[in-house]
Amino acid sequence: MSKHDDVARRIARKNNTQYNRGKGADVEASGRTIEVESKNSIGEAEEQLADYEGLTYVAGTDKEATDSAKELYEDSHIGVMDSRGNIVQPAKRR
């Protein structure tokens, strides 16, 4: 099992929902949508989350990915979570 899968499952459990391994966002919870990305793919989250309503988040698979996401999405409506599902940068409504 990959680190991505571990993080996505952990965040899904924390949000009382299931991890979606198929197309679409990794975690769809009540009022929020979460895409899990590594440092190398962090820039892809915006496109992945483009069609979702409500609050959207990117979760980094590790500290390095989370730090990159915070920098990349600082002036965006997309929020950032760490690999434990803790919000480190709040999402903004569109």
PDB file of N, CA and C in Angstrom:
ATOM      1  N   MET A   1       0.843  -1.179   0.000  1.00  0.00           N
ATOM      2  CA  MET A   1       0.000   0.000   0.000  1.00  0.00           C
ATOM      3  C   MET A   1       0.890   1.245   0.000  1.00  0.00           C
ATOM      4  N   SER A   2       0.526   2.217  -0.798  1.00  0.00           N
ATOM      5  CA  SER A   2       1.337   3.419  -0.932  1.00  0.00           C
ATOM      6  C   SER A   2       1.058   4.415   0.197  1.00  0.00           C
ATOM      7  N   LYS A   3       1.969   5.356   0.350  1.00  0.00           N
ATOM      8  CA  LYS A   3       1.799   6.412   1.350  1.00  0.00           C
ATOM      9  C   LYS A   3       0.536   7.223   1.033  1.00  0.00           C
ATOM     10  N   HIS A   4       0.288   7.472  -0.244  1.00  0.00           N
ATOM     11  CA  HIS A   4      -0.922   8.179  -0.667  1.00  0.00           C
ATOM     12  C   HIS A   4      -2.160   7.461  -0.144  1.00  0.00           C
ATOM     13  N   ASP A   5      -2.225   6.147  -0.352  1.00  0.00           N
ATOM     14  CA  ASP A   5      -3.381   5.368   0.102  1.00  0.00           C
ATOM     15  C   ASP A   5      -3.526   5.417   1.618  1.00  0.00           C
ATOM     16  N   ASP A   6      -2.420   5.298   2.341  1.00  0.00           N
ATOM     17  CA  ASP A   6      -2.456   5.366   3.813  1.00  0.00           C
ATOM     18  C   ASP A   6      -3.029   6.692   4.287  1.00  0.00           C
ATOM     19  N   VAL A   7      -2.539   7.786   3.717  1.00  0.00           N
ATOM     20  CA  VAL A   7      -2.999   9.123   4.111  1.00  0.00           C
ATOM     21  C   VAL A   7      -4.474   9.299   3.754  1.00  0.00           C
ATOM     22  N   ALA A   8      -4.861   8.912   2.551  1.00  0.00           N
ATOM     23  CA  ALA A   8      -6.254   9.059   2.112  1.00  0.00           C
ATOM     24  C   ALA A   8      -7.197   8.251   3.012  1.00  0.00           C
ATOM     25  N   ARG A   9      -6.822   7.044   3.357  1.00  0.00           N
ATOM     26  CA  ARG A   9      -7.657   6.221   4.253  1.00  0.00           C
ATOM     27  C   ARG A   9      -7.772   6.854   5.642  1.00  0.00           C
ATOM     28  N   ARG A  10      -6.662   7.353   6.158  1.00  0.00           N
ATOM     29  CA  ARG A  10      -6.661   7.995   7.479  1.00  0.00           C
ATOM     30  C   ARG A  10      -7.597   9.203   7.492  1.00  0.00           C
ATOM     31  N   ILE A  11      -7.496  10.041   6.460  1.00  0.00           N
ATOM     32  CA  ILE A  11      -8.322  11.242   6.389  1.00  0.00           C
ATOM     33  C   ILE A  11      -9.793  10.874   6.185  1.00  0.00           C
ATOM     34  N   ALA A  12     -10.059   9.863   5.382  1.00  0.00           N
ATOM     35  CA  ALA A  12     -11.442   9.408   5.184  1.00  0.00           C
ATOM     36  C   ALA A  12     -12.041   8.926   6.512  1.00  0.00           C
ATOM     37  N   ARG A  13     -11.287   8.125   7.261  1.00  0.00           N
ATOM     38  CA  ARG A  13     -11.777   7.653   8.568  1.00  0.00           C
ATOM     39  C   ARG A  13     -12.063   8.830   9.494  1.00  0.00           C
ATOM     40  N   LYS A  14     -11.163   9.803   9.511  1.00  0.00           N
ATOM     41  CA  LYS A  14     -11.332  10.978  10.363  1.00  0.00           C
ATOM     42  C   LYS A  14     -12.598  11.753   9.995  1.00  0.00           C
ATOM     43  N   ASN A  15     -12.992  11.700   8.731  1.00  0.00           N
ATOM     44  CA  ASN A  15     -14.181  12.404   8.251  1.00  0.00           C
ATOM     45  C   ASN A  15     -15.400  11.499   8.111  1.00  0.00           C
ATOM     46  N   ASN A  16     -15.312  10.300   8.693  1.00  0.00           N
ATOM     47  CA  ASN A  16     -16.430   9.342   8.694  1.00  0.00           C
ATOM     48  C   ASN A  16     -16.969   9.040   7.299  1.00  0.00           C
ATOM     49  N   THR A  17     -16.048   8.773   6.379  1.00  0.00           N
ATOM     50  CA  THR A  17     -16.434   8.446   5.018  1.00  0.00           C
ATOM     51  C   THR A  17     -15.435   7.437   4.445  1.00  0.00           C
ATOM     52  N   GLN A  18     -15.527   7.174   3.157  1.00  0.00           N
ATOM     53  CA  GLN A  18     -14.667   6.191   2.495  1.00  0.00           C
ATOM     54  C   GLN A  18     -13.659   6.882   1.566  1.00  0.00           C
ATOM     55  N   TYR A  19     -12.540   6.231   1.373  1.00  0.00           N
ATOM     56  CA  TYR A  19     -11.525   6.669   0.406  1.00  0.00           C
ATOM     57  C   TYR A  19     -11.960   6.206  -0.976  1.00  0.00           C
ATOM     58  N   ASN A  20     -11.956   7.120  -1.944  1.00  0.00           N
ATOM     59  CA  ASN A  20     -12.313   6.826  -3.321  1.00  0.00           C
ATOM     60  C   ASN A  20     -11.036   6.607  -4.125  1.00  0.00           C
ATOM     61  N   ARG A  21     -10.763   5.375  -4.496  1.00  0.00           N
ATOM     62  CA  ARG A  21      -9.549   5.073  -5.271  1.00  0.00           C
ATOM     63  C   ARG A  21      -9.727   5.322  -6.757  1.00  0.00           C
ATOM     64  N   GLY A  22     -10.952   5.538  -7.195  1.00  0.00           N
ATOM     65  CA  GLY A  22     -11.214   5.734  -8.621  1.00  0.00           C
ATOM     66  C   GLY A  22     -11.078   7.179  -9.043  1.00  0.00           C
ATOM     67  N   LYS A  23     -11.752   7.509 -10.142  1.00  0.00           N
ATOM     68  CA  LYS A  23     -11.740   8.882 -10.643  1.00  0.00           C
ATOM     69  C   LYS A  23     -12.435   9.794  -9.645  1.00  0.00           C
ATOM     70  N   GLY A  24     -12.029  11.044  -9.655  1.00  0.00           N
ATOM     71  CA  GLY A  24     -12.626  12.015  -8.747  1.00  0.00           C
ATOM     72  C   GLY A  24     -11.759  12.225  -7.527  1.00  0.00           C
ATOM     73  N   ALA A  25     -12.286  13.010  -6.612  1.00  0.00           N
ATOM     74  CA  ALA A  25     -11.549  13.352  -5.400  1.00  0.00           C
ATOM     75  C   ALA A  25     -11.321  12.120  -4.529  1.00  0.00           C
ATOM     76  N   ASP A  26     -10.240  12.142  -3.763  1.00  0.00           N
ATOM     77  CA  ASP A  26      -9.907  11.015  -2.897  1.00  0.00           C
ATOM     78  C   ASP A  26     -10.895  10.850  -1.747  1.00  0.00           C
ATOM     79  N   VAL A  27     -11.336  11.984  -1.174  1.00  0.00           N
ATOM     80  CA  VAL A  27     -12.247  11.937  -0.033  1.00  0.00           C
ATOM     81  C   VAL A  27     -13.336  12.989  -0.230  1.00  0.00           C
ATOM     82  N   GLU A  28     -14.590  12.535  -0.214  1.00  0.00           N
ATOM     83  CA  GLU A  28     -15.726  13.443  -0.257  1.00  0.00           C
ATOM     84  C   GLU A  28     -16.463  13.298   1.060  1.00  0.00           C
ATOM     85  N   ALA A  29     -16.362  14.336   1.881  1.00  0.00           N
ATOM     86  CA  ALA A  29     -16.986  14.324   3.200  1.00  0.00           C
ATOM     87  C   ALA A  29     -18.064  15.398   3.236  1.00  0.00           C
ATOM     88  N   SER A  30     -18.795  15.448   4.320  1.00  0.00           N
ATOM     89  CA  SER A  30     -19.853  16.423   4.492  1.00  0.00           C
ATOM     90  C   SER A  30     -19.290  17.848   4.435  1.00  0.00           C
ATOM     91  N   GLY A  31     -19.604  18.573   3.358  1.00  0.00           N
ATOM     92  CA  GLY A  31     -19.197  19.956   3.234  1.00  0.00           C
ATOM     93  C   GLY A  31     -17.772  20.200   2.799  1.00  0.00           C
ATOM     94  N   ARG A  32     -17.012  19.138   2.528  1.00  0.00           N
ATOM     95  CA  ARG A  32     -15.625  19.334   2.100  1.00  0.00           C
ATOM     96  C   ARG A  32     -15.179  18.198   1.183  1.00  0.00           C
ATOM     97  N   THR A  33     -14.265  18.558   0.294  1.00  0.00           N
ATOM     98  CA  THR A  33     -13.688  17.596  -0.641  1.00  0.00           C
ATOM     99  C   THR A  33     -12.178  17.684  -0.494  1.00  0.00           C
ATOM    100  N   ILE A  34     -11.523  16.513  -0.433  1.00  0.00           N
ATOM    101  CA  ILE A  34     -10.093  16.470  -0.138  1.00  0.00           C
ATOM    102  C   ILE A  34      -9.362  15.636  -1.180  1.00  0.00           C
ATOM    103  N   GLU A  35      -8.294  16.201  -1.708  1.00  0.00           N
ATOM    104  CA  GLU A  35      -7.419  15.501  -2.654  1.00  0.00           C
ATOM    105  C   GLU A  35      -6.061  15.318  -1.983  1.00  0.00           C
ATOM    106  N   VAL A  36      -5.567  14.107  -1.952  1.00  0.00           N
ATOM    107  CA  VAL A  36      -4.265  13.795  -1.343  1.00  0.00           C
ATOM    108  C   VAL A  36      -3.213  13.782  -2.435  1.00  0.00           C
ATOM    109  N   GLU A  37      -2.101  14.502  -2.194  1.00  0.00           N
ATOM    110  CA  GLU A  37      -1.043  14.599  -3.201  1.00  0.00           C
ATOM    111  C   GLU A  37       0.336  14.547  -2.547  1.00  0.00           C
ATOM    112  N   SER A  38       1.302  14.041  -3.305  1.00  0.00           N
ATOM    113  CA  SER A  38       2.708  14.064  -2.893  1.00  0.00           C
ATOM    114  C   SER A  38       3.313  15.392  -3.354  1.00  0.00           C
ATOM    115  N   LYS A  39       4.550  15.655  -2.948  1.00  0.00           N
ATOM    116  CA  LYS A  39       5.205  16.904  -3.348  1.00  0.00           C
ATOM    117  C   LYS A  39       5.288  17.024  -4.874  1.00  0.00           C
ATOM    118  N   ASN A  40       5.528  15.919  -5.552  1.00  0.00           N
ATOM    119  CA  ASN A  40       5.670  15.930  -7.009  1.00  0.00           C
ATOM    120  C   ASN A  40       4.362  16.187  -7.751  1.00  0.00           C
ATOM    121  N   SER A  41       3.233  15.906  -7.118  1.00  0.00           N
ATOM    122  CA  SER A  41       1.949  16.062  -7.812  1.00  0.00           C
ATOM    123  C   SER A  41       1.056  17.129  -7.186  1.00  0.00           C
ATOM    124  N   ILE A  42       1.577  17.917  -6.267  1.00  0.00           N
ATOM    125  CA  ILE A  42       0.770  18.880  -5.520  1.00  0.00           C
ATOM    126  C   ILE A  42       0.072  19.887  -6.433  1.00  0.00           C
ATOM    127  N   GLY A  43       0.688  20.225  -7.547  1.00  0.00           N
ATOM    128  CA  GLY A  43       0.100  21.181  -8.481  1.00  0.00           C
ATOM    129  C   GLY A  43      -1.115  20.648  -9.221  1.00  0.00           C
ATOM    130  N   GLU A  44      -1.325  19.353  -9.222  1.00  0.00           N
ATOM    131  CA  GLU A  44      -2.460  18.743  -9.912  1.00  0.00           C
ATOM    132  C   GLU A  44      -3.761  18.858  -9.130  1.00  0.00           C
ATOM    133  N   ALA A  45      -3.686  19.177  -7.855  1.00  0.00           N
ATOM    134  CA  ALA A  45      -4.875  19.200  -7.001  1.00  0.00           C
ATOM    135  C   ALA A  45      -5.904  20.216  -7.471  1.00  0.00           C
ATOM    136  N   GLU A  46      -5.461  21.368  -7.911  1.00  0.00           N
ATOM    137  CA  GLU A  46      -6.399  22.411  -8.336  1.00  0.00           C
ATOM    138  C   GLU A  46      -7.305  21.921  -9.463  1.00  0.00           C
ATOM    139  N   GLU A  47      -6.728  21.252 -10.437  1.00  0.00           N
ATOM    140  CA  GLU A  47      -7.516  20.713 -11.547  1.00  0.00           C
ATOM    141  C   GLU A  47      -8.449  19.601 -11.059  1.00  0.00           C
ATOM    142  N   GLN A  48      -7.951  18.751 -10.174  1.00  0.00           N
ATOM    143  CA  GLN A  48      -8.763  17.650  -9.631  1.00  0.00           C
ATOM    144  C   GLN A  48      -9.978  18.169  -8.862  1.00  0.00           C
ATOM    145  N   LEU A  49      -9.814  19.306  -8.186  1.00  0.00           N
ATOM    146  CA  LEU A  49     -10.871  19.847  -7.325  1.00  0.00           C
ATOM    147  C   LEU A  49     -11.761  20.872  -8.018  1.00  0.00           C
ATOM    148  N   ALA A  50     -11.479  21.188  -9.266  1.00  0.00           N
ATOM    149  CA  ALA A  50     -12.155  22.282  -9.977  1.00  0.00           C
ATOM    150  C   ALA A  50     -13.676  22.139 -10.030  1.00  0.00           C
ATOM    151  N   ASP A  51     -14.200  20.951 -10.151  1.00  0.00           N
ATOM    152  CA  ASP A  51     -15.640  20.760 -10.338  1.00  0.00           C
ATOM    153  C   ASP A  51     -16.420  20.561  -9.041  1.00  0.00           C
ATOM    154  N   TYR A  52     -15.764  20.672  -7.913  1.00  0.00           N
ATOM    155  CA  TYR A  52     -16.429  20.397  -6.638  1.00  0.00           C
ATOM    156  C   TYR A  52     -16.920  21.672  -5.971  1.00  0.00           C
ATOM    157  N   GLU A  53     -18.111  21.593  -5.400  1.00  0.00           N
ATOM    158  CA  GLU A  53     -18.710  22.699  -4.653  1.00  0.00           C
ATOM    159  C   GLU A  53     -18.239  22.612  -3.202  1.00  0.00           C
ATOM    160  N   GLY A  54     -18.421  23.672  -2.480  1.00  0.00           N
ATOM    161  CA  GLY A  54     -18.087  23.666  -1.063  1.00  0.00           C
ATOM    162  C   GLY A  54     -16.599  23.861  -0.835  1.00  0.00           C
ATOM    163  N   LEU A  55     -16.172  23.551   0.373  1.00  0.00           N
ATOM    164  CA  LEU A  55     -14.769  23.729   0.742  1.00  0.00           C
ATOM    165  C   LEU A  55     -13.914  22.624   0.128  1.00  0.00           C
ATOM    166  N   THR A  56     -12.778  23.003  -0.441  1.00  0.00           N
ATOM    167  CA  THR A  56     -11.876  22.027  -1.043  1.00  0.00           C
ATOM    168  C   THR A  56     -10.507  22.131  -0.393  1.00  0.00           C
ATOM    169  N   TYR A  57      -9.883  20.973  -0.215  1.00  0.00           N
ATOM    170  CA  TYR A  57      -8.588  20.892   0.451  1.00  0.00           C
ATOM    171  C   TYR A  57      -7.647  19.983  -0.319  1.00  0.00           C
ATOM    172  N   VAL A  58      -6.366  20.281  -0.213  1.00  0.00           N
ATOM    173  CA  VAL A  58      -5.331  19.369  -0.654  1.00  0.00           C
ATOM    174  C   VAL A  58      -4.595  18.934   0.612  1.00  0.00           C
ATOM    175  N   ALA A  59      -4.348  17.638   0.712  1.00  0.00           N
ATOM    176  CA  ALA A  59      -3.619  17.094   1.860  1.00  0.00           C
ATOM    177  C   ALA A  59      -2.287  16.556   1.365  1.00  0.00           C
ATOM    178  N   GLY A  60      -1.216  16.993   1.985  1.00  0.00           N
ATOM    179  CA  GLY A  60       0.109  16.505   1.617  1.00  0.00           C
ATOM    180  C   GLY A  60       0.379  15.149   2.241  1.00  0.00           C
ATOM    181  N   THR A  61       1.105  14.309   1.526  1.00  0.00           N
ATOM    182  CA  THR A  61       1.420  12.977   2.044  1.00  0.00           C
ATOM    183  C   THR A  61       2.493  13.016   3.130  1.00  0.00           C
ATOM    184  N   ASP A  62       3.229  14.131   3.205  1.00  0.00           N
ATOM    185  CA  ASP A  62       4.261  14.301   4.236  1.00  0.00           C
ATOM    186  C   ASP A  62       4.472  15.799   4.456  1.00  0.00           C
ATOM    187  N   LYS A  63       5.364  16.145   5.371  1.00  0.00           N
ATOM    188  CA  LYS A  63       5.591  17.556   5.704  1.00  0.00           C
ATOM    189  C   LYS A  63       6.051  18.361   4.492  1.00  0.00           C
ATOM    190  N   GLU A  64       6.926  17.787   3.707  1.00  0.00           N
ATOM    191  CA  GLU A  64       7.434  18.481   2.524  1.00  0.00           C
ATOM    192  C   GLU A  64       6.302  18.802   1.538  1.00  0.00           C
ATOM    193  N   ALA A  65       5.414  17.847   1.309  1.00  0.00           N
ATOM    194  CA  ALA A  65       4.281  18.066   0.406  1.00  0.00           C
ATOM    195  C   ALA A  65       3.316  19.096   0.986  1.00  0.00           C
ATOM    196  N   THR A  66       3.082  19.027   2.286  1.00  0.00           N
ATOM    197  CA  THR A  66       2.190  19.981   2.948  1.00  0.00           C
ATOM    198  C   THR A  66       2.753  21.397   2.857  1.00  0.00           C
ATOM    199  N   ASP A  67       4.042  21.547   3.101  1.00  0.00           N
ATOM    200  CA  ASP A  67       4.679  22.866   2.998  1.00  0.00           C
ATOM    201  C   ASP A  67       4.593  23.418   1.575  1.00  0.00           C
ATOM    202  N   SER A  68       4.779  22.560   0.586  1.00  0.00           N
ATOM    203  CA  SER A  68       4.659  22.986  -0.813  1.00  0.00           C
ATOM    204  C   SER A  68       3.229  23.427  -1.127  1.00  0.00           C
ATOM    205  N   ALA A  69       2.265  22.685  -0.607  1.00  0.00           N
ATOM    206  CA  ALA A  69       0.856  23.022  -0.840  1.00  0.00           C
ATOM    207  C   ALA A  69       0.504  24.354  -0.192  1.00  0.00           C
ATOM    208  N   LYS A  70       1.014  24.597   1.021  1.00  0.00           N
ATOM    209  CA  LYS A  70       0.741  25.868   1.695  1.00  0.00           C
ATOM    210  C   LYS A  70       1.235  27.039   0.859  1.00  0.00           C
ATOM    211  N   GLU A  71       2.400  26.895   0.286  1.00  0.00           N
ATOM    212  CA  GLU A  71       2.973  27.956  -0.544  1.00  0.00           C
ATOM    213  C   GLU A  71       2.199  28.114  -1.853  1.00  0.00           C
ATOM    214  N   LEU A  72       1.913  26.999  -2.517  1.00  0.00           N
ATOM    215  CA  LEU A  72       1.251  27.034  -3.815  1.00  0.00           C
ATOM    216  C   LEU A  72      -0.175  27.555  -3.732  1.00  0.00           C
ATOM    217  N   TYR A  73      -0.908  27.183  -2.683  1.00  0.00           N
ATOM    218  CA  TYR A  73      -2.323  27.531  -2.573  1.00  0.00           C
ATOM    219  C   TYR A  73      -2.593  28.657  -1.567  1.00  0.00           C
ATOM    220  N   GLU A  74      -1.558  29.406  -1.222  1.00  0.00           N
ATOM    221  CA  GLU A  74      -1.682  30.483  -0.235  1.00  0.00           C
ATOM    222  C   GLU A  74      -2.756  31.513  -0.608  1.00  0.00           C
ATOM    223  N   ASP A  75      -2.822  31.914  -1.859  1.00  0.00           N
ATOM    224  CA  ASP A  75      -3.781  32.923  -2.307  1.00  0.00           C
ATOM    225  C   ASP A  75      -4.950  32.303  -3.063  1.00  0.00           C
ATOM    226  N   SER A  76      -5.246  31.066  -2.777  1.00  0.00           N
ATOM    227  CA  SER A  76      -6.286  30.322  -3.465  1.00  0.00           C
ATOM    228  C   SER A  76      -7.460  30.053  -2.517  1.00  0.00           C
ATOM    229  N   HIS A  77      -8.567  29.612  -3.085  1.00  0.00           N
ATOM    230  CA  HIS A  77      -9.702  29.191  -2.257  1.00  0.00           C
ATOM    231  C   HIS A  77      -9.471  27.798  -1.671  1.00  0.00           C
ATOM    232  N   ILE A  78      -8.463  27.077  -2.178  1.00  0.00           N
ATOM    233  CA  ILE A  78      -8.167  25.717  -1.724  1.00  0.00           C
ATOM    234  C   ILE A  78      -7.404  25.769  -0.406  1.00  0.00           C
ATOM    235  N   GLY A  79      -7.875  25.010   0.555  1.00  0.00           N
ATOM    236  CA  GLY A  79      -7.204  24.919   1.838  1.00  0.00           C
ATOM    237  C   GLY A  79      -6.186  23.785   1.836  1.00  0.00           C
ATOM    238  N   VAL A  80      -5.418  23.690   2.912  1.00  0.00           N
ATOM    239  CA  VAL A  80      -4.372  22.672   3.013  1.00  0.00           C
ATOM    240  C   VAL A  80      -4.515  21.906   4.326  1.00  0.00           C
ATOM    241  N   MET A  81      -4.339  20.589   4.227  1.00  0.00           N
ATOM    242  CA  MET A  81      -4.322  19.709   5.393  1.00  0.00           C
ATOM    243  C   MET A  81      -2.986  18.993   5.449  1.00  0.00           C
ATOM    244  N   ASP A  82      -2.597  18.586   6.660  1.00  0.00           N
ATOM    245  CA  ASP A  82      -1.405  17.753   6.773  1.00  0.00           C
ATOM    246  C   ASP A  82      -1.798  16.292   6.566  1.00  0.00           C
ATOM    247  N   SER A  83      -0.849  15.398   6.693  1.00  0.00           N
ATOM    248  CA  SER A  83      -1.109  13.981   6.422  1.00  0.00           C
ATOM    249  C   SER A  83      -2.006  13.317   7.463  1.00  0.00           C
ATOM    250  N   ARG A  84      -2.298  13.998   8.543  1.00  0.00           N
ATOM    251  CA  ARG A  84      -3.207  13.487   9.579  1.00  0.00           C
ATOM    252  C   ARG A  84      -4.624  14.042   9.420  1.00  0.00           C
ATOM    253  N   GLY A  85      -4.804  14.933   8.433  1.00  0.00           N
ATOM    254  CA  GLY A  85      -6.122  15.518   8.209  1.00  0.00           C
ATOM    255  C   GLY A  85      -6.384  16.761   9.040  1.00  0.00           C
ATOM    256  N   ASN A  86      -5.328  17.316   9.638  1.00  0.00           N
ATOM    257  CA  ASN A  86      -5.460  18.559  10.388  1.00  0.00           C
ATOM    258  C   ASN A  86      -5.360  19.736   9.424  1.00  0.00           C
ATOM    259  N   ILE A  87      -6.260  20.691   9.547  1.00  0.00           N
ATOM    260  CA  ILE A  87      -6.247  21.864   8.671  1.00  0.00           C
ATOM    261  C   ILE A  87      -5.106  22.780   9.091  1.00  0.00           C
ATOM    262  N   VAL A  88      -4.204  23.060   8.158  1.00  0.00           N
ATOM    263  CA  VAL A  88      -3.077  23.956   8.421  1.00  0.00           C
ATOM    264  C   VAL A  88      -3.240  25.284   7.690  1.00  0.00           C
ATOM    265  N   GLN A  89      -4.150  25.311   6.729  1.00  0.00           N
ATOM    266  CA  GLN A  89      -4.484  26.535   5.999  1.00  0.00           C
ATOM    267  C   GLN A  89      -5.954  26.410   5.601  1.00  0.00           C
ATOM    268  N   PRO A  90      -6.832  27.211   6.193  1.00  0.00           N
ATOM    269  CA  PRO A  90      -8.261  27.071   5.935  1.00  0.00           C
ATOM    270  C   PRO A  90      -8.644  27.312   4.477  1.00  0.00           C
ATOM    271  N   ALA A  91      -9.652  26.586   4.025  1.00  0.00           N
ATOM    272  CA  ALA A  91     -10.213  26.809   2.682  1.00  0.00           C
ATOM    273  C   ALA A  91     -11.140  28.000   2.748  1.00  0.00           C
ATOM    274  N   LYS A  92     -11.339  28.624   1.585  1.00  0.00           N
ATOM    275  CA  LYS A  92     -12.242  29.760   1.485  1.00  0.00           C
ATOM    276  C   LYS A  92     -13.369  29.389   0.524  1.00  0.00           C
ATOM    277  N   ARG A  93     -14.547  29.911   0.781  1.00  0.00           N
ATOM    278  CA  ARG A  93     -15.671  29.687  -0.138  1.00  0.00           C
ATOM    279  C   ARG A  93     -15.382  30.406  -1.447  1.00  0.00           C
ATOM    280  N   ARG A  94     -15.830  29.821  -2.528  1.00  0.00           N
ATOM    281  CA  ARG A  94     -15.658  30.441  -3.851  1.00  0.00           C
ATOM    282  C   ARG A  94     -16.652  31.550  -4.033  1.00  0.00           C
TER     283      ARG A  94
END
